[in-house]
Every structure is written in C-alpha cells, then in structure tokens.
C-alpha cells in the first residue's frame, strides 16, 4: 500500500495522508502559520497489508473510515474497529475504487460504490451511513456506471459533491443531499469536466475539462458556469501548456496551476506556475512562489494558506 495524500479543501474536515501504517490527519483550522513542518494532529493505525481504496477522517478527529473492495471499516485512534459494513450483494469490481467521505457535521459518512450490478447501466450506488453506529441511513442508485469518484463534503453537513469517472474519459458530476426523506441526487449536465474543488463557503465549485484546456467556476445550486478561462487567458500558447490542478485559496480567490512544456537540452521539461484568480472581479493578481523543491505540488486549504511538500513525508504550510 503506497503512501497517498487526500486533501480536503472545502470544509472543517482535516486533510489526511494514508501510509502503510496509518491514516494521519492534520487539523490547521485557526492555527498560525509557522516555518516548521506540520505534525499530525491525529493518527489511526491500519492493518498491515490492507488494500485500502479510500479513507476519510471525522472533523472531530475521533474516528476514521476506510474502504476496502468488500467493506467499509471505521476505526478509532488505537486502530480498534468500531464497526464494519460489508458490501452486498458484491464487492467492488476489479479496477474500480470504492470511495468514502465524512460529512462536515460528523453525523454521517458518504460511501460511493461503483458498478454494484456487475456491469449493468446505472448501477453505481451512493450510501449514507451513520458515522457512530455504521447503520445505513439510506442508499440510492446513481445514473452512472463508474470506476471511481472524487467526493467533497459540503460545509452545511447535509450535502455532497461527486465527480464520477466512467469509461471513455466520460465524467459525471452529481450533487447529493441527505434529509428526512433520505438521499436526493441531482446530476449536472457536464460529461467532460473533472471536479477540482468546492469553495470554502460552499457557494461554488471549480472544474477542469478532461483535455486540460480550460478551467471553469460553477454555481453550487444548479452547476451553471459563472466564469470560464482557457489556457490563453493566462498568456500561454494552448499547444504548449495545459491546466494541471488548483483549488480555492479562500472564498474570494482560487489557484489555477498551469504547466508549460518547454524543450530543453535534456528533452522536454515541464514548468509549473500557480496563478491567483480573484473571484469577485475575475482578475489575476499574481502567482505563488512554492518555496519548495517540488513545484508541482501546491494544495490550497481554503483558509488563505496552502501546502507544499519536502520529500514524501513533510508538509509545509504557507500564507501570502
């Protein structure tokens, strides 16, 4: 099980890292920026050799949830299993990934299960599970047949935004809400845009087209586009640059990362530039100096700060 990183940008959820030994969580909300490397706020040991698909940590840091091909497992800070939910009628198909995301109020964990019907159309399943007990609150089929999904918990505690990957580079965006009558879902009409981030106030979200040629900002309620920018808007030639990633720096600004491909003596080289876009005026206000030996990784945290890495272990937090 390789070390992986999942950054949660849009709510009080801590950002996390999965290593071979544990799920580690970092809670930086309200904490000052210091030059020192970040130290995990909480750690949740996982079984050695477990083939974990995804993981998430409750905002109160009392428990973590991870998914396997055939189950979701909730553990405490000692690694003790608090509950286990076996997937029925079948495990996750080979090559697909079961996803999970805690709600911002720590009441539920959302679980995405791909292709639960052995290859049928529209057989993905979305579940809402009580985070304390492991009881299924509700589950609904989705209009997708995917193999994985990116999930962002909305700060209101009741909603979720999913980006579901299907075959042939098709991507489907879905908004889900959990109320007294169970889960309600809304599919947005966007088949070729990857979800990048959800704004800290939950009012909009950011996408990049699958060809990495444009970035767009959408209204939360209906998914309509507020603004869209191609690579040329950043003064790059579209045939030699592409949009790599980005995210919300805070509720008023976003980071858009452009990768420029340059021919060098040793072959093609990639140069990363992290542009800051003002969301009220849609004007660019400058770029971020990563202050890192790994300029390709900049992860905005939604509170005006961002992360960089040194090696595979150390996180550094910065502010501008």
Protein backbone atom coordinates (compact mmCIF):
# COMPACT_ATOMS: atom_id res chain seq x y z
CA UNK A 1 0.00 0.00 0.00
CA UNK A 2 1.72 3.14 -1.21
CA UNK A 3 1.66 6.44 0.62
CA UNK A 4 -1.11 8.63 -0.74
CA UNK A 5 -2.48 12.04 0.00
CA UNK A 6 -6.04 13.27 0.03
CA UNK A 7 -6.55 16.97 0.54
CA UNK A 8 -9.94 18.15 1.76
CA UNK A 9 -10.42 21.77 0.81
CA UNK A 10 -13.98 22.78 1.32
CA UNK A 11 -15.00 22.22 4.93
CA UNK A 12 -13.73 21.79 8.50
CA UNK A 13 -12.50 18.34 7.55
CA UNK A 14 -8.80 17.81 8.25
CA UNK A 15 -6.53 16.92 5.39
CA UNK A 16 -5.12 13.43 5.55
CA UNK A 17 -2.38 11.11 4.40
CA UNK A 18 -2.52 7.35 4.05
CA UNK A 19 0.70 5.48 4.73
CA UNK A 20 1.45 1.78 5.06
CA UNK A 21 0.89 2.01 8.80
CA UNK A 22 -1.76 4.62 9.46
CA UNK A 23 -4.19 7.28 8.35
CA UNK A 24 -2.75 10.55 9.65
CA UNK A 25 -4.81 13.72 9.97
CA UNK A 26 -3.69 17.34 10.09
CA UNK A 27 -6.04 19.96 11.55
CA UNK A 28 -4.82 23.50 10.91
CA UNK A 29 -8.08 25.44 11.31
CA UNK A 30 -7.38 28.65 13.22
CA UNK A 31 -3.74 27.81 13.80
CA UNK A 32 -0.92 30.22 12.94
CA UNK A 33 1.46 29.55 10.06
CA UNK A 34 4.94 28.58 11.24
CA UNK A 35 8.18 27.69 9.37
CA UNK A 36 8.25 24.21 10.91
CA UNK A 37 6.97 21.09 9.19
CA UNK A 38 3.43 20.15 10.15
CA UNK A 39 2.94 17.46 12.76
CA UNK A 40 -0.09 15.14 12.52
CA UNK A 41 -2.92 16.06 14.86
CA UNK A 42 -4.25 12.50 14.98
CA UNK A 43 -3.24 9.07 13.75
CA UNK A 44 -5.32 5.96 13.08
CA UNK A 45 -3.38 2.69 12.67
CA UNK A 46 -4.48 0.42 9.82
CA UNK A 47 -3.81 -3.31 9.34
CA UNK A 48 -0.55 -4.13 7.65
CA UNK A 49 -1.06 -5.06 4.01
CA UNK A 50 -4.67 -3.85 3.86
CA UNK A 51 -5.64 -2.89 0.31
CA UNK A 52 -7.35 0.37 1.17
CA UNK A 53 -9.32 2.08 -1.59
CA UNK A 54 -10.02 5.41 0.12
CA UNK A 55 -10.07 6.98 3.56
CA UNK A 56 -11.58 9.89 5.48
CA UNK A 57 -11.38 11.33 9.00
CA UNK A 58 -14.20 12.82 11.06
CA UNK A 59 -13.90 16.57 11.73
CA UNK A 60 -13.76 15.91 15.48
CA UNK A 61 -10.80 13.55 14.88
CA UNK A 62 -12.37 10.77 16.97
CA UNK A 63 -12.54 8.19 14.20
CA UNK A 64 -11.54 7.38 10.65
CA UNK A 65 -13.22 5.35 7.93
CA UNK A 66 -11.57 3.45 5.13
CA UNK A 67 -12.98 1.36 2.29
CA UNK A 68 -11.83 -1.99 1.02
CA UNK A 69 -13.11 -3.80 -2.06
CA UNK A 70 -15.78 -5.53 0.02
CA UNK A 71 -16.40 -3.34 3.08
CA UNK A 72 -16.20 -0.02 4.86
CA UNK A 73 -14.39 -0.03 8.20
CA UNK A 74 -14.50 2.56 10.99
CA UNK A 75 -11.63 2.71 13.50
CA UNK A 76 -10.59 4.80 16.48
CA UNK A 77 -7.20 6.30 17.33
CA UNK A 78 -5.91 2.95 18.56
CA UNK A 79 -6.91 1.19 15.35
CA UNK A 80 -9.75 -0.65 17.10
CA UNK A 81 -12.60 -1.47 14.72
CA UNK A 82 -15.74 0.37 15.84
CA UNK A 83 -17.88 -1.06 13.06
CA UNK A 84 -17.59 -2.82 9.73
CA UNK A 85 -20.11 -2.62 6.90
CA UNK A 86 -19.83 -5.47 4.39
CA UNK A 87 -20.84 -4.59 0.86
CA UNK A 88 -23.77 -6.53 -0.57
CA UNK A 89 -24.53 -8.10 -2.94
CA UNK A 90 -20.99 -7.99 -4.31
CA UNK A 91 -17.56 -6.49 -3.75
CA UNK A 92 -16.14 -3.62 -5.77
CA UNK A 93 -15.21 -4.77 -9.32
CA UNK A 94 -11.54 -5.18 -10.21
CA UNK A 95 -10.01 -1.90 -11.32
CA UNK A 96 -12.66 0.19 -9.57
CA UNK A 97 -12.39 2.17 -6.33
CA UNK A 98 -14.93 2.41 -3.52
CA UNK A 99 -14.89 5.93 -2.04
CA UNK A 100 -15.78 7.48 1.31
CA UNK A 101 -16.13 10.99 2.74
CA UNK A 102 -17.22 12.14 6.20
CA UNK A 103 -19.92 14.78 6.40
CA UNK A 104 -18.83 18.13 7.79
CA UNK A 105 -21.00 17.67 10.90
CA UNK A 106 -19.53 14.24 11.75
CA UNK A 107 -23.01 12.69 11.60
CA UNK A 108 -22.58 10.51 8.52
CA UNK A 109 -20.08 9.06 6.11
CA UNK A 110 -20.88 9.01 2.40
CA UNK A 111 -19.84 5.84 0.56
CA UNK A 112 -19.65 5.58 -3.22
CA UNK A 113 -19.80 2.03 -4.59
CA UNK A 114 -19.10 1.65 -8.31
CA UNK A 115 -20.87 -0.79 -10.61
CA UNK A 116 -22.73 -2.79 -7.97
CA UNK A 117 -24.75 -4.61 -10.64
CA UNK A 118 -21.94 -6.47 -12.41
CA UNK A 119 -21.68 -4.29 -15.48
CA UNK A 120 -25.26 -3.03 -15.86
CA UNK A 121 -26.06 0.56 -16.83
CA UNK A 122 -26.64 2.95 -13.95
CA UNK A 123 -25.53 0.54 -11.25
CA UNK A 124 -23.39 2.81 -9.08
CA UNK A 125 -24.64 3.16 -5.53
CA UNK A 126 -24.42 6.05 -3.08
CA UNK A 127 -24.82 5.28 0.60
CA UNK A 128 -25.19 7.47 3.68
CA UNK A 129 -24.05 5.64 6.82
CA UNK A 130 -24.32 6.69 10.44
CA UNK A 131 -20.75 7.51 11.42
CA UNK A 132 -21.27 6.46 15.04
CA UNK A 133 -23.03 3.13 14.54
CA UNK A 134 -22.36 2.00 10.97
CA UNK A 135 -26.09 1.71 10.28
CA UNK A 136 -27.20 2.53 6.75
CA UNK A 137 -29.29 5.70 6.78
CA UNK A 138 -30.20 5.45 3.10
CA UNK A 139 -28.80 4.24 -0.20
CA UNK A 140 -29.76 5.16 -3.75
CA UNK A 141 -28.71 4.06 -7.25
CA UNK A 142 -26.97 6.64 -9.43
CA UNK A 143 -27.36 7.25 -13.15
CA UNK A 144 -23.77 6.21 -13.72
CA UNK A 145 -21.58 3.16 -14.29
CA UNK A 146 -18.27 4.38 -12.96
CA UNK A 147 -15.00 3.07 -11.64
CA UNK A 148 -14.21 5.78 -9.07
CA UNK A 149 -15.28 9.15 -7.73
CA UNK A 150 -13.88 12.30 -6.17
CA UNK A 151 -16.03 13.48 -3.25
CA UNK A 152 -16.28 16.83 -1.45
CA UNK A 153 -18.41 17.24 1.67
CA UNK A 154 -20.39 20.49 1.69
CA UNK A 155 -19.85 22.69 4.77
CA UNK A 156 -23.58 22.59 5.57
CA UNK A 157 -23.14 18.99 6.74
CA UNK A 158 -26.02 17.69 4.62
CA UNK A 159 -24.70 17.72 1.06
CA UNK A 160 -22.01 16.08 -1.05
CA UNK A 161 -20.49 16.83 -4.45
CA UNK A 162 -19.26 13.87 -6.51
CA UNK A 163 -17.25 13.60 -9.69
CA UNK A 164 -17.73 10.10 -11.11
CA UNK A 165 -15.32 8.72 -13.70
CA UNK A 166 -16.81 6.50 -16.40
CA UNK A 167 -15.36 4.79 -19.46
CA UNK A 168 -14.03 6.73 -22.48
CA UNK A 169 -12.96 9.72 -20.35
CA UNK A 170 -16.56 10.48 -19.50
CA UNK A 171 -17.07 12.34 -16.22
CA UNK A 172 -20.37 12.93 -14.44
CA UNK A 173 -20.98 15.49 -11.70
CA UNK A 174 -23.58 14.79 -9.05
CA UNK A 175 -24.90 16.72 -6.05
CA UNK A 176 -26.39 14.68 -3.20
CA UNK A 177 -28.30 15.79 -0.14
CA UNK A 178 -29.38 13.90 2.97
CA UNK A 179 -32.68 14.95 4.52
CA UNK A 180 -35.58 13.49 6.48
CA UNK A 181 -36.76 11.60 3.39
CA UNK A 182 -33.33 10.13 2.66
CA UNK A 183 -30.86 10.90 -0.12
CA UNK A 184 -31.78 13.14 -3.03
CA UNK A 185 -29.45 13.45 -6.00
CA UNK A 186 -29.10 15.88 -8.89
CA UNK A 187 -26.96 15.10 -11.94
CA UNK A 188 -25.27 18.10 -13.56
CA UNK A 189 -25.08 18.11 -17.36
CA UNK A 190 -21.32 18.09 -17.75
CA UNK A 191 -19.80 14.95 -19.23
CA UNK A 192 -16.22 16.06 -19.76
CA UNK A 193 -15.18 18.18 -16.79
CA UNK A 194 -13.24 16.95 -13.76
CA UNK A 195 -14.08 18.32 -10.33
CA UNK A 196 -11.17 20.23 -8.79
CA UNK A 197 -12.52 21.79 -5.62
CA UNK A 198 -15.52 23.07 -3.69
CA UNK A 199 -15.31 26.60 -2.30
CA UNK A 200 -14.96 27.01 1.50
CA UNK A 201 -18.36 28.72 1.73
CA UNK A 202 -19.99 26.04 -0.42
CA UNK A 203 -21.37 28.54 -2.91
CA UNK A 204 -19.44 27.39 -5.99
CA UNK A 205 -17.14 24.69 -7.35
CA UNK A 206 -14.24 24.51 -9.76
CA UNK A 207 -13.73 22.15 -12.71
CA UNK A 208 -11.19 21.48 -15.46
CA UNK A 209 -12.10 19.89 -18.78
CA UNK A 210 -10.67 16.43 -19.40
CA UNK A 211 -8.36 17.81 -22.11
CA UNK A 212 -6.97 20.28 -19.52
CA UNK A 213 -7.64 23.24 -21.82
CA UNK A 214 -9.98 25.32 -19.63
CA UNK A 215 -10.93 25.97 -16.02
CA UNK A 216 -14.49 26.87 -15.02
CA UNK A 217 -16.29 28.07 -11.91
CA UNK A 218 -19.84 26.86 -11.32
CA UNK A 219 -22.75 27.87 -9.11
CA UNK A 220 -23.42 25.32 -6.40
CA UNK A 221 -27.20 25.30 -6.78
CA UNK A 222 -27.53 24.35 -10.44
CA UNK A 223 -23.99 23.82 -11.73
CA UNK A 224 -24.24 26.70 -14.19
CA UNK A 225 -20.97 28.35 -15.23
CA UNK A 226 -20.10 31.68 -13.63
CA UNK A 227 -16.80 32.11 -15.48
CA UNK A 228 -14.50 30.07 -17.69
CA UNK A 229 -10.91 30.60 -18.81
CA UNK A 230 -8.80 28.88 -21.42
CA UNK A 231 -5.04 28.45 -21.28
CA UNK A 232 -4.64 31.52 -23.49
CA UNK A 233 -6.22 33.69 -20.79
CA UNK A 234 -3.06 33.08 -18.78
CA UNK A 235 -0.87 34.21 -21.71
CA UNK A 236 0.20 30.69 -22.70
CA UNK A 237 0.04 29.01 -26.06
CA UNK A 238 -2.61 26.24 -25.94
CA UNK A 239 -0.41 23.81 -27.86
CA UNK A 240 2.43 24.02 -25.29
CA UNK A 241 0.61 24.42 -21.95
CA UNK A 242 -2.24 22.84 -20.02
CA UNK A 243 -4.14 23.34 -16.77
CA UNK A 244 -2.96 20.83 -14.20
CA UNK A 245 -4.86 21.44 -10.98
CA UNK A 246 -5.67 24.18 -8.47
CA UNK A 247 -8.23 24.91 -5.80
CA UNK A 248 -9.76 27.59 -3.62
CA UNK A 249 -7.25 29.66 -1.67
CA UNK A 250 -10.21 31.04 0.28
CA UNK A 251 -13.76 32.13 -0.52
CA UNK A 252 -12.50 35.11 -2.55
CA UNK A 253 -9.62 33.65 -4.58
CA UNK A 254 -8.58 30.48 -6.36
CA UNK A 255 -5.29 28.98 -7.50
CA UNK A 256 -5.03 27.77 -11.09
CA UNK A 257 -1.91 25.77 -11.92
CA UNK A 258 -0.58 25.96 -15.47
CA UNK A 259 2.04 23.53 -16.75
CA UNK A 260 4.17 24.75 -19.64
CA UNK A 261 6.07 22.24 -21.73
CA UNK A 262 9.47 23.59 -22.78
CA UNK A 263 12.07 21.92 -24.94
CA UNK A 264 15.41 21.67 -23.15
CA UNK A 265 18.81 20.15 -23.78
CA UNK A 266 17.80 17.01 -21.88
CA UNK A 267 14.42 16.79 -23.60
CA UNK A 268 11.01 18.24 -22.82
CA UNK A 269 10.69 19.91 -19.43
CA UNK A 270 7.60 20.96 -17.50
CA UNK A 271 7.40 24.30 -15.70
CA UNK A 272 4.67 24.88 -13.12
CA UNK A 273 3.13 28.26 -12.40
CA UNK A 274 0.43 28.76 -9.77
CA UNK A 275 -1.77 31.74 -10.67
CA UNK A 276 -4.10 33.50 -8.21
CA UNK A 277 -7.52 34.45 -9.58
CA UNK A 278 -9.81 36.92 -7.79
CA UNK A 279 -13.34 35.52 -7.74
CA UNK A 280 -15.23 38.82 -7.42
CA UNK A 281 -13.54 40.57 -10.37
CA UNK A 282 -12.20 37.51 -12.27
CA UNK A 283 -8.83 39.27 -12.47
CA UNK A 284 -5.42 37.66 -11.95
CA UNK A 285 -3.45 39.11 -9.06
CA UNK A 286 -0.13 37.30 -9.38
CA UNK A 287 1.49 33.94 -8.80
CA UNK A 288 2.54 31.87 -5.80
CA UNK A 289 6.15 31.08 -5.11
CA UNK A 290 6.06 27.49 -3.89
CA UNK A 291 9.27 27.88 -1.85
CA UNK A 292 9.72 24.18 -2.44
CA UNK A 293 11.94 21.76 -4.32
CA UNK A 294 8.73 20.17 -5.63
CA UNK A 295 7.00 22.99 -7.52
CA UNK A 296 4.34 20.71 -8.96
CA UNK A 297 2.57 20.32 -5.60
CA UNK A 298 0.62 23.24 -4.15
CA UNK A 299 -2.55 22.41 -2.21
CA UNK A 300 -4.71 25.36 -1.11
CA UNK A 301 -6.55 24.74 2.16
CA UNK A 302 -9.38 27.23 1.75
CA UNK A 303 -8.35 29.46 4.67
CA UNK A 304 -5.87 31.64 2.75
CA UNK A 305 -3.00 29.21 3.25
CA UNK A 306 -1.55 26.44 1.12
CA UNK A 307 0.62 23.35 1.46
CA UNK A 308 3.86 22.34 -0.17
CA UNK A 309 5.88 19.20 0.38
CA UNK A 310 9.51 18.38 1.08
CA UNK A 311 10.22 14.78 0.14
CA UNK A 312 7.43 12.30 0.76
CA UNK A 313 6.87 12.97 4.44
CA UNK A 314 6.98 16.66 5.35
CA UNK A 315 4.23 19.21 4.79
CA UNK A 316 4.87 22.94 4.98
CA UNK A 317 2.06 25.49 5.28
CA UNK A 318 2.36 28.98 3.79
CA UNK A 319 0.40 32.22 3.62
CA UNK A 320 0.70 35.18 1.31
